[in-house]
Amino acid sequence: MAVRAESATKVYGSGPTEVRALDGVTLGFEEGRFSAIMGPSGSGKSTLLHCVAGLDDLTSGRVFIGDQELGLLGDRDLTLLRRERVGFVFQSFNLVPTLSATENITLPVDIAGARVDRDWFDRVVGVLELGDRLDHRPTELSGGQQQRVAVARALVSKPAVIFADEPSGNLDSKSGSQLLGFLRLAVDEFDQTIVMVTHDPVAAGYADRAVFLADGKIVDELLAPNADSVLDRIRSLET
């Protein structure tokens, strides 16, 4: 498994204000597959993503990226693991406005003090159709182009897994479809592992597998999901 959680529990507050955002979740994400995490608002899907990505700590339970248990790492080693083995694609892009597209794409590798694999960089940029935008700053790019830069940044370090948090949430339907198509291509062409949180049944239809949460627990999953089957499952959870 690229990523797995064992009895993952996350509790906020205590006593009468206690909220169990995750309630004993055991789940794995296979290498080279595109997985979607879905569920109603407040189901725990974003909390699960943040915990398996090492952005938040569990109250109890364990999370592994590959064979490395995140809970055993200190802050410095956890930062290094995220930098070297994890890519992130956020809804808000998180690009540095003063840097060019090229500089934004290579930023994780530059921070790590590593060398950019130029052949890999050129391949990623070519697939994402960014070749004529590399000298542009984020303000000179459309929303779809900015998100493609964010995807390229996540891919350029060849991470073990990419975590995507509502990656198409700020995009129009055309740009969103293009972005999701690029994520699908990253799995099919680059053998990438992607774990995505989304509320959109159409977005989940690009995944190999959709996992459904409710009240902090895994309640269902679909293999080879499509928009209609996902929507039916979501409706059943909300009734």
C-alpha atoms as a PDB file:
ATOM      1  CA  MET A   1       0.000   0.000   0.000  1.00  0.00           C
ATOM      2  CA  ALA A   2       1.183   3.518  -0.764  1.00  0.00           C
ATOM      3  CA  VAL A   3      -0.727   4.883   2.238  1.00  0.00           C
ATOM      4  CA  ARG A   4      -2.666   3.208   5.003  1.00  0.00           C
ATOM      5  CA  ALA A   5      -4.452   4.122   8.213  1.00  0.00           C
ATOM      6  CA  GLU A   6      -5.050   1.745  11.107  1.00  0.00           C
ATOM      7  CA  SER A   7      -7.788   2.528  13.652  1.00  0.00           C
ATOM      8  CA  ALA A   8      -7.318   6.225  12.869  1.00  0.00           C
ATOM      9  CA  THR A   9      -9.163   8.386  15.385  1.00  0.00           C
ATOM     10  CA  LYS A  10      -9.211  12.171  15.570  1.00  0.00           C
ATOM     11  CA  VAL A  11     -11.041  13.906  18.402  1.00  0.00           C
ATOM     12  CA  TYR A  12     -11.521  17.654  18.751  1.00  0.00           C
ATOM     13  CA  GLY A  13     -12.509  19.125  22.103  1.00  0.00           C
ATOM     14  CA  SER A  14     -13.585  17.178  25.191  1.00  0.00           C
ATOM     15  CA  GLY A  15     -16.615  16.486  27.307  1.00  0.00           C
ATOM     16  CA  PRO A  16     -19.907  17.822  25.917  1.00  0.00           C
ATOM     17  CA  THR A  17     -18.084  19.665  23.094  1.00  0.00           C
ATOM     18  CA  GLU A  18     -16.162  16.593  21.911  1.00  0.00           C
ATOM     19  CA  VAL A  19     -16.285  15.894  18.183  1.00  0.00           C
ATOM     20  CA  ARG A  20     -14.982  12.616  16.752  1.00  0.00           C
ATOM     21  CA  ALA A  21     -13.963  13.678  13.273  1.00  0.00           C
ATOM     22  CA  LEU A  22     -12.473  10.223  12.629  1.00  0.00           C
ATOM     23  CA  ASP A  23     -13.747   7.199  14.501  1.00  0.00           C
ATOM     24  CA  GLY A  24     -11.468   4.182  14.127  1.00  0.00           C
ATOM     25  CA  VAL A  25     -10.862   4.340  10.377  1.00  0.00           C
ATOM     26  CA  THR A  26      -8.828   1.498   8.861  1.00  0.00           C
ATOM     27  CA  LEU A  27      -8.143   2.031   5.189  1.00  0.00           C
ATOM     28  CA  GLY A  28      -5.431   1.571   2.555  1.00  0.00           C
ATOM     29  CA  PHE A  29      -4.674   3.250  -0.758  1.00  0.00           C
ATOM     30  CA  GLU A  30      -2.919   1.124  -3.377  1.00  0.00           C
ATOM     31  CA  GLU A  31       0.040   2.268  -5.428  1.00  0.00           C
ATOM     32  CA  GLY A  32      -0.643   3.436  -8.965  1.00  0.00           C
ATOM     33  CA  ARG A  33      -4.333   4.070  -8.370  1.00  0.00           C
ATOM     34  CA  PHE A  34      -6.586   7.115  -8.208  1.00  0.00           C
ATOM     35  CA  SER A  35      -8.773   7.106  -5.079  1.00  0.00           C
ATOM     36  CA  ALA A  36     -11.541   9.544  -4.162  1.00  0.00           C
ATOM     37  CA  ILE A  37     -12.699  10.237  -0.595  1.00  0.00           C
ATOM     38  CA  MET A  38     -16.310  11.392  -0.408  1.00  0.00           C
ATOM     39  CA  GLY A  39     -19.036  12.016   2.112  1.00  0.00           C
ATOM     40  CA  PRO A  40     -21.499  14.598   3.400  1.00  0.00           C
ATOM     41  CA  SER A  41     -20.294  17.855   4.921  1.00  0.00           C
ATOM     42  CA  GLY A  42     -18.760  17.099   8.313  1.00  0.00           C
ATOM     43  CA  SER A  43     -18.198  13.433   7.493  1.00  0.00           C
ATOM     44  CA  GLY A  44     -14.451  13.622   8.213  1.00  0.00           C
ATOM     45  CA  LYS A  45     -13.134  13.377   4.660  1.00  0.00           C
ATOM     46  CA  SER A  46     -10.842  16.421   4.840  1.00  0.00           C
ATOM     47  CA  THR A  47      -9.650  15.405   8.292  1.00  0.00           C
ATOM     48  CA  LEU A  48      -8.772  11.963   6.951  1.00  0.00           C
ATOM     49  CA  LEU A  49      -6.822  13.479   4.063  1.00  0.00           C
ATOM     50  CA  HIS A  50      -4.900  15.825   6.367  1.00  0.00           C
ATOM     51  CA  CYS A  51      -4.034  13.013   8.764  1.00  0.00           C
ATOM     52  CA  VAL A  52      -2.870  10.497   6.151  1.00  0.00           C
ATOM     53  CA  ALA A  53      -0.846  13.265   4.478  1.00  0.00           C
ATOM     54  CA  GLY A  54       0.946  14.116   7.718  1.00  0.00           C
ATOM     55  CA  LEU A  55      -0.569  17.601   7.935  1.00  0.00           C
ATOM     56  CA  ASP A  56      -2.422  16.798  11.164  1.00  0.00           C
ATOM     57  CA  ASP A  57      -1.857  14.369  14.040  1.00  0.00           C
ATOM     58  CA  LEU A  58      -4.155  11.537  15.044  1.00  0.00           C
ATOM     59  CA  THR A  59      -5.573  11.311  18.548  1.00  0.00           C
ATOM     60  CA  SER A  60      -4.979   7.559  18.350  1.00  0.00           C
ATOM     61  CA  GLY A  61      -4.220   4.972  15.695  1.00  0.00           C
ATOM     62  CA  ARG A  62      -1.464   4.843  13.083  1.00  0.00           C
ATOM     63  CA  VAL A  63      -0.777   6.183   9.595  1.00  0.00           C
ATOM     64  CA  PHE A  64       1.873   4.869   7.204  1.00  0.00           C
ATOM     65  CA  ILE A  65       3.276   6.242   3.967  1.00  0.00           C
ATOM     66  CA  GLY A  66       4.946   3.210   2.486  1.00  0.00           C
ATOM     67  CA  ASP A  67       6.554   1.446   5.449  1.00  0.00           C
ATOM     68  CA  GLN A  68       7.115   4.647   7.437  1.00  0.00           C
ATOM     69  CA  GLU A  69       4.816   5.248  10.387  1.00  0.00           C
ATOM     70  CA  LEU A  70       4.219   8.988  10.568  1.00  0.00           C
ATOM     71  CA  GLY A  71       3.548   9.047  14.299  1.00  0.00           C
ATOM     72  CA  LEU A  72       7.096   7.918  15.032  1.00  0.00           C
ATOM     73  CA  LEU A  73       8.655  10.874  13.226  1.00  0.00           C
ATOM     74  CA  GLY A  74       9.755  14.127  14.796  1.00  0.00           C
ATOM     75  CA  ASP A  75       8.844  17.442  13.193  1.00  0.00           C
ATOM     76  CA  ARG A  76      12.027  17.654  11.117  1.00  0.00           C
ATOM     77  CA  ASP A  77      11.786  14.104   9.753  1.00  0.00           C
ATOM     78  CA  LEU A  78       8.078  14.526   9.049  1.00  0.00           C
ATOM     79  CA  THR A  79       8.814  17.718   7.109  1.00  0.00           C
ATOM     80  CA  LEU A  80      11.478  15.891   5.116  1.00  0.00           C
ATOM     81  CA  LEU A  81       9.136  12.993   4.364  1.00  0.00           C
ATOM     82  CA  ARG A  82       6.419  15.356   3.116  1.00  0.00           C
ATOM     83  CA  ARG A  83       8.945  17.216   1.003  1.00  0.00           C
ATOM     84  CA  GLU A  84      10.542  14.136  -0.537  1.00  0.00           C
ATOM     85  CA  ARG A  85       7.701  11.628  -0.817  1.00  0.00           C
ATOM     86  CA  VAL A  86       4.465  13.599  -0.933  1.00  0.00           C
ATOM     87  CA  GLY A  87       2.908  15.996  -3.428  1.00  0.00           C
ATOM     88  CA  PHE A  88      -0.023  18.295  -2.699  1.00  0.00           C
ATOM     89  CA  VAL A  89      -2.654  19.887  -4.910  1.00  0.00           C
ATOM     90  CA  PHE A  90      -4.902  22.346  -3.078  1.00  0.00           C
ATOM     91  CA  GLN A  91      -8.141  24.041  -4.094  1.00  0.00           C
ATOM     92  CA  SER A  92      -6.517  27.456  -3.655  1.00  0.00           C
ATOM     93  CA  PHE A  93      -3.470  26.558  -5.838  1.00  0.00           C
ATOM     94  CA  ASN A  94      -0.974  27.948  -3.234  1.00  0.00           C
ATOM     95  CA  LEU A  95       1.359  29.371  -5.880  1.00  0.00           C
ATOM     96  CA  VAL A  96       3.971  31.981  -4.971  1.00  0.00           C
ATOM     97  CA  PRO A  97       2.885  35.169  -6.786  1.00  0.00           C
ATOM     98  CA  THR A  98       6.403  36.555  -7.270  1.00  0.00           C
ATOM     99  CA  LEU A  99       7.704  33.401  -8.963  1.00  0.00           C
ATOM    100  CA  SER A 100       7.323  32.295 -12.571  1.00  0.00           C
ATOM    101  CA  ALA A 101       5.482  29.104 -13.473  1.00  0.00           C
ATOM    102  CA  THR A 102       8.825  27.310 -13.841  1.00  0.00           C
ATOM    103  CA  GLU A 103       9.998  28.518 -10.420  1.00  0.00           C
ATOM    104  CA  ASN A 104       6.705  27.498  -8.812  1.00  0.00           C
ATOM    105  CA  ILE A 105       6.901  24.049 -10.392  1.00  0.00           C
ATOM    106  CA  THR A 106      10.474  23.392  -9.245  1.00  0.00           C
ATOM    107  CA  LEU A 107      10.045  24.988  -5.804  1.00  0.00           C
ATOM    108  CA  PRO A 108       9.787  21.724  -3.780  1.00  0.00           C
ATOM    109  CA  VAL A 109      12.897  20.322  -5.462  1.00  0.00           C
ATOM    110  CA  ASP A 110      14.767  23.613  -5.011  1.00  0.00           C
ATOM    111  CA  ILE A 111      13.854  23.789  -1.304  1.00  0.00           C
ATOM    112  CA  ALA A 112      15.097  20.225  -0.873  1.00  0.00           C
ATOM    113  CA  GLY A 113      18.416  21.233  -2.421  1.00  0.00           C
ATOM    114  CA  ALA A 114      18.016  18.551  -5.082  1.00  0.00           C
ATOM    115  CA  ARG A 115      18.517  18.709  -8.828  1.00  0.00           C
ATOM    116  CA  VAL A 116      15.548  18.945 -11.153  1.00  0.00           C
ATOM    117  CA  ASP A 117      15.282  16.004 -13.538  1.00  0.00           C
ATOM    118  CA  ARG A 118      14.987  18.050 -16.751  1.00  0.00           C
ATOM    119  CA  ASP A 119      13.678  15.167 -18.849  1.00  0.00           C
ATOM    120  CA  TRP A 120      10.936  14.502 -16.298  1.00  0.00           C
ATOM    121  CA  PHE A 121      10.217  18.247 -15.992  1.00  0.00           C
ATOM    122  CA  ASP A 122       9.843  18.533 -19.775  1.00  0.00           C
ATOM    123  CA  ARG A 123       7.567  15.503 -19.904  1.00  0.00           C
ATOM    124  CA  VAL A 124       5.290  16.779 -17.132  1.00  0.00           C
ATOM    125  CA  VAL A 125       5.144  20.269 -18.634  1.00  0.00           C
ATOM    126  CA  GLY A 126       4.381  18.788 -22.051  1.00  0.00           C
ATOM    127  CA  VAL A 127       1.556  16.593 -20.786  1.00  0.00           C
ATOM    128  CA  LEU A 128       0.064  19.537 -18.868  1.00  0.00           C
ATOM    129  CA  GLU A 129       0.402  21.821 -21.900  1.00  0.00           C
ATOM    130  CA  LEU A 130       2.333  24.517 -20.040  1.00  0.00           C
ATOM    131  CA  GLY A 131       5.272  24.924 -22.405  1.00  0.00           C
ATOM    132  CA  ASP A 132       4.297  28.427 -23.524  1.00  0.00           C
ATOM    133  CA  ARG A 133       3.456  29.647 -20.012  1.00  0.00           C
ATOM    134  CA  LEU A 134       6.640  28.840 -18.103  1.00  0.00           C
ATOM    135  CA  ASP A 135       7.840  32.459 -17.860  1.00  0.00           C
ATOM    136  CA  HIS A 136       4.484  33.775 -16.677  1.00  0.00           C
ATOM    137  CA  ARG A 137       3.686  34.631 -13.068  1.00  0.00           C
ATOM    138  CA  PRO A 138       0.442  33.362 -11.502  1.00  0.00           C
ATOM    139  CA  THR A 139      -1.392  36.670 -12.094  1.00  0.00           C
ATOM    140  CA  GLU A 140      -0.714  36.229 -15.819  1.00  0.00           C
ATOM    141  CA  LEU A 141      -2.293  32.763 -15.897  1.00  0.00           C
ATOM    142  CA  SER A 142      -5.911  31.669 -15.996  1.00  0.00           C
ATOM    143  CA  GLY A 143      -7.342  29.670 -13.112  1.00  0.00           C
ATOM    144  CA  GLY A 144      -7.012  26.456 -15.101  1.00  0.00           C
ATOM    145  CA  GLN A 145      -3.404  27.234 -15.979  1.00  0.00           C
ATOM    146  CA  GLN A 146      -2.589  28.019 -12.344  1.00  0.00           C
ATOM    147  CA  GLN A 147      -4.050  24.702 -11.266  1.00  0.00           C
ATOM    148  CA  ARG A 148      -2.035  22.874 -13.915  1.00  0.00           C
ATOM    149  CA  VAL A 149       1.093  24.559 -12.542  1.00  0.00           C
ATOM    150  CA  ALA A 150       0.074  23.267  -9.108  1.00  0.00           C
ATOM    151  CA  VAL A 151      -0.298  19.747 -10.522  1.00  0.00           C
ATOM    152  CA  ALA A 152       3.101  19.994 -12.223  1.00  0.00           C
ATOM    153  CA  ARG A 153       4.646  21.138  -8.925  1.00  0.00           C
ATOM    154  CA  ALA A 154       3.146  18.097  -7.203  1.00  0.00           C
ATOM    155  CA  LEU A 155       4.500  15.758  -9.885  1.00  0.00           C
ATOM    156  CA  VAL A 156       7.976  17.169 -10.474  1.00  0.00           C
ATOM    157  CA  SER A 157       9.616  15.554  -7.441  1.00  0.00           C
ATOM    158  CA  LYS A 158       8.221  12.113  -8.377  1.00  0.00           C
ATOM    159  CA  PRO A 159       6.424  11.689  -5.048  1.00  0.00           C
ATOM    160  CA  ALA A 160       5.212   8.381  -3.678  1.00  0.00           C
ATOM    161  CA  VAL A 161       1.702   9.831  -3.423  1.00  0.00           C
ATOM    162  CA  ILE A 162      -0.159  13.001  -4.343  1.00  0.00           C
ATOM    163  CA  PHE A 163      -2.908  14.281  -2.051  1.00  0.00           C
ATOM    164  CA  ALA A 164      -5.501  16.523  -3.709  1.00  0.00           C
ATOM    165  CA  ASP A 165      -7.996  18.529  -1.649  1.00  0.00           C
ATOM    166  CA  GLU A 166     -11.000  19.564  -3.784  1.00  0.00           C
ATOM    167  CA  PRO A 167      -8.601  20.302  -6.675  1.00  0.00           C
ATOM    168  CA  SER A 168     -11.330  21.314  -9.138  1.00  0.00           C
ATOM    169  CA  GLY A 169     -13.416  23.219  -6.601  1.00  0.00           C
ATOM    170  CA  ASN A 170     -12.451  26.715  -7.798  1.00  0.00           C
ATOM    171  CA  LEU A 171     -12.573  25.939 -11.514  1.00  0.00           C
ATOM    172  CA  ASP A 172     -15.302  26.179 -14.125  1.00  0.00           C
ATOM    173  CA  SER A 173     -16.584  22.905 -15.532  1.00  0.00           C
ATOM    174  CA  LYS A 174     -14.280  22.927 -18.579  1.00  0.00           C
ATOM    175  CA  SER A 175     -11.116  23.730 -16.613  1.00  0.00           C
ATOM    176  CA  GLY A 176     -12.151  21.292 -13.907  1.00  0.00           C
ATOM    177  CA  SER A 177     -12.607  18.487 -16.425  1.00  0.00           C
ATOM    178  CA  GLN A 178      -9.209  19.232 -17.944  1.00  0.00           C
ATOM    179  CA  LEU A 179      -7.541  19.180 -14.542  1.00  0.00           C
ATOM    180  CA  LEU A 180      -9.169  15.903 -13.549  1.00  0.00           C
ATOM    181  CA  GLY A 181      -8.183  14.463 -16.899  1.00  0.00           C
ATOM    182  CA  PHE A 182      -4.572  15.427 -16.190  1.00  0.00           C
ATOM    183  CA  LEU A 183      -4.729  13.738 -12.770  1.00  0.00           C
ATOM    184  CA  ARG A 184      -6.134  10.622 -14.442  1.00  0.00           C
ATOM    185  CA  LEU A 185      -3.317  10.800 -16.973  1.00  0.00           C
ATOM    186  CA  ALA A 186      -0.757  11.068 -14.180  1.00  0.00           C
ATOM    187  CA  VAL A 187      -1.993   7.712 -12.864  1.00  0.00           C
ATOM    188  CA  ASP A 188      -2.220   6.034 -16.260  1.00  0.00           C
ATOM    189  CA  GLU A 189       0.938   7.480 -17.859  1.00  0.00           C
ATOM    190  CA  PHE A 190       3.216   8.094 -14.861  1.00  0.00           C
ATOM    191  CA  ASP A 191       1.958   5.308 -12.535  1.00  0.00           C
ATOM    192  CA  GLN A 192       1.275   8.002  -9.939  1.00  0.00           C
ATOM    193  CA  THR A 193      -0.749   7.377  -6.765  1.00  0.00           C
ATOM    194  CA  ILE A 194      -3.424  10.002  -6.089  1.00  0.00           C
ATOM    195  CA  VAL A 195      -5.754  10.379  -3.110  1.00  0.00           C
ATOM    196  CA  MET A 196      -8.383  13.082  -3.661  1.00  0.00           C
ATOM    197  CA  VAL A 197     -11.079  14.566  -1.464  1.00  0.00           C
ATOM    198  CA  THR A 198     -14.057  15.806  -3.449  1.00  0.00           C
ATOM    199  CA  HIS A 199     -17.758  16.505  -3.006  1.00  0.00           C
ATOM    200  CA  ASP A 200     -18.360  16.308  -6.767  1.00  0.00           C
ATOM    201  CA  PRO A 201     -19.709  13.024  -8.201  1.00  0.00           C
ATOM    202  CA  VAL A 202     -18.335  13.941 -11.643  1.00  0.00           C
ATOM    203  CA  ALA A 203     -14.842  14.396 -10.183  1.00  0.00           C
ATOM    204  CA  ALA A 204     -15.090  11.070  -8.363  1.00  0.00           C
ATOM    205  CA  GLY A 205     -15.937   9.448 -11.688  1.00  0.00           C
ATOM    206  CA  TYR A 206     -12.319   9.958 -12.774  1.00  0.00           C
ATOM    207  CA  ALA A 207     -11.087   7.746  -9.909  1.00  0.00           C
ATOM    208  CA  ASP A 208     -10.536   3.993  -9.774  1.00  0.00           C
ATOM    209  CA  ARG A 209     -12.219   3.814  -6.405  1.00  0.00           C
ATOM    210  CA  ALA A 210     -14.469   5.999  -4.261  1.00  0.00           C
ATOM    211  CA  VAL A 211     -14.549   5.649  -0.482  1.00  0.00           C
ATOM    212  CA  PHE A 212     -17.486   7.105   1.452  1.00  0.00           C
ATOM    213  CA  LEU A 213     -17.364   8.475   4.988  1.00  0.00           C
ATOM    214  CA  ALA A 214     -20.187   9.392   7.340  1.00  0.00           C
ATOM    215  CA  ASP A 215     -19.779  10.520  10.949  1.00  0.00           C
ATOM    216  CA  GLY A 216     -16.058   9.788  10.820  1.00  0.00           C
ATOM    217  CA  LYS A 217     -16.438   6.167   9.692  1.00  0.00           C
ATOM    218  CA  ILE A 218     -16.008   4.314   6.391  1.00  0.00           C
ATOM    219  CA  VAL A 219     -19.513   3.309   5.366  1.00  0.00           C
ATOM    220  CA  ASP A 220     -19.173   2.248   1.731  1.00  0.00           C
ATOM    221  CA  GLU A 221     -16.923   2.121  -1.322  1.00  0.00           C
ATOM    222  CA  LEU A 222     -17.297   1.830  -5.072  1.00  0.00           C
ATOM    223  CA  LEU A 223     -14.870   0.399  -7.598  1.00  0.00           C
ATOM    224  CA  ALA A 224     -14.834   1.940 -11.093  1.00  0.00           C
ATOM    225  CA  PRO A 225     -17.240   4.697  -9.981  1.00  0.00           C
ATOM    226  CA  ASN A 226     -19.137   6.957 -12.337  1.00  0.00           C
ATOM    227  CA  ALA A 227     -21.053  10.148 -11.628  1.00  0.00           C
ATOM    228  CA  ASP A 228     -24.447   8.409 -11.460  1.00  0.00           C
ATOM    229  CA  SER A 229     -23.371   5.591  -9.139  1.00  0.00           C
ATOM    230  CA  VAL A 230     -21.576   8.046  -6.858  1.00  0.00           C
ATOM    231  CA  LEU A 231     -24.570  10.354  -6.717  1.00  0.00           C
ATOM    232  CA  ASP A 232     -26.822   7.442  -5.793  1.00  0.00           C
ATOM    233  CA  ARG A 233     -24.513   6.480  -2.910  1.00  0.00           C
ATOM    234  CA  ILE A 234     -24.296  10.047  -1.645  1.00  0.00           C
ATOM    235  CA  ARG A 235     -28.079  10.359  -1.669  1.00  0.00           C
ATOM    236  CA  SER A 236     -28.406   7.131   0.279  1.00  0.00           C
ATOM    237  CA  LEU A 237     -26.010   8.465   2.933  1.00  0.00           C
ATOM    238  CA  GLU A 238     -27.890  11.739   3.278  1.00  0.00           C
ATOM    239  CA  THR A 239     -31.301  10.135   3.829  1.00  0.00           C
END
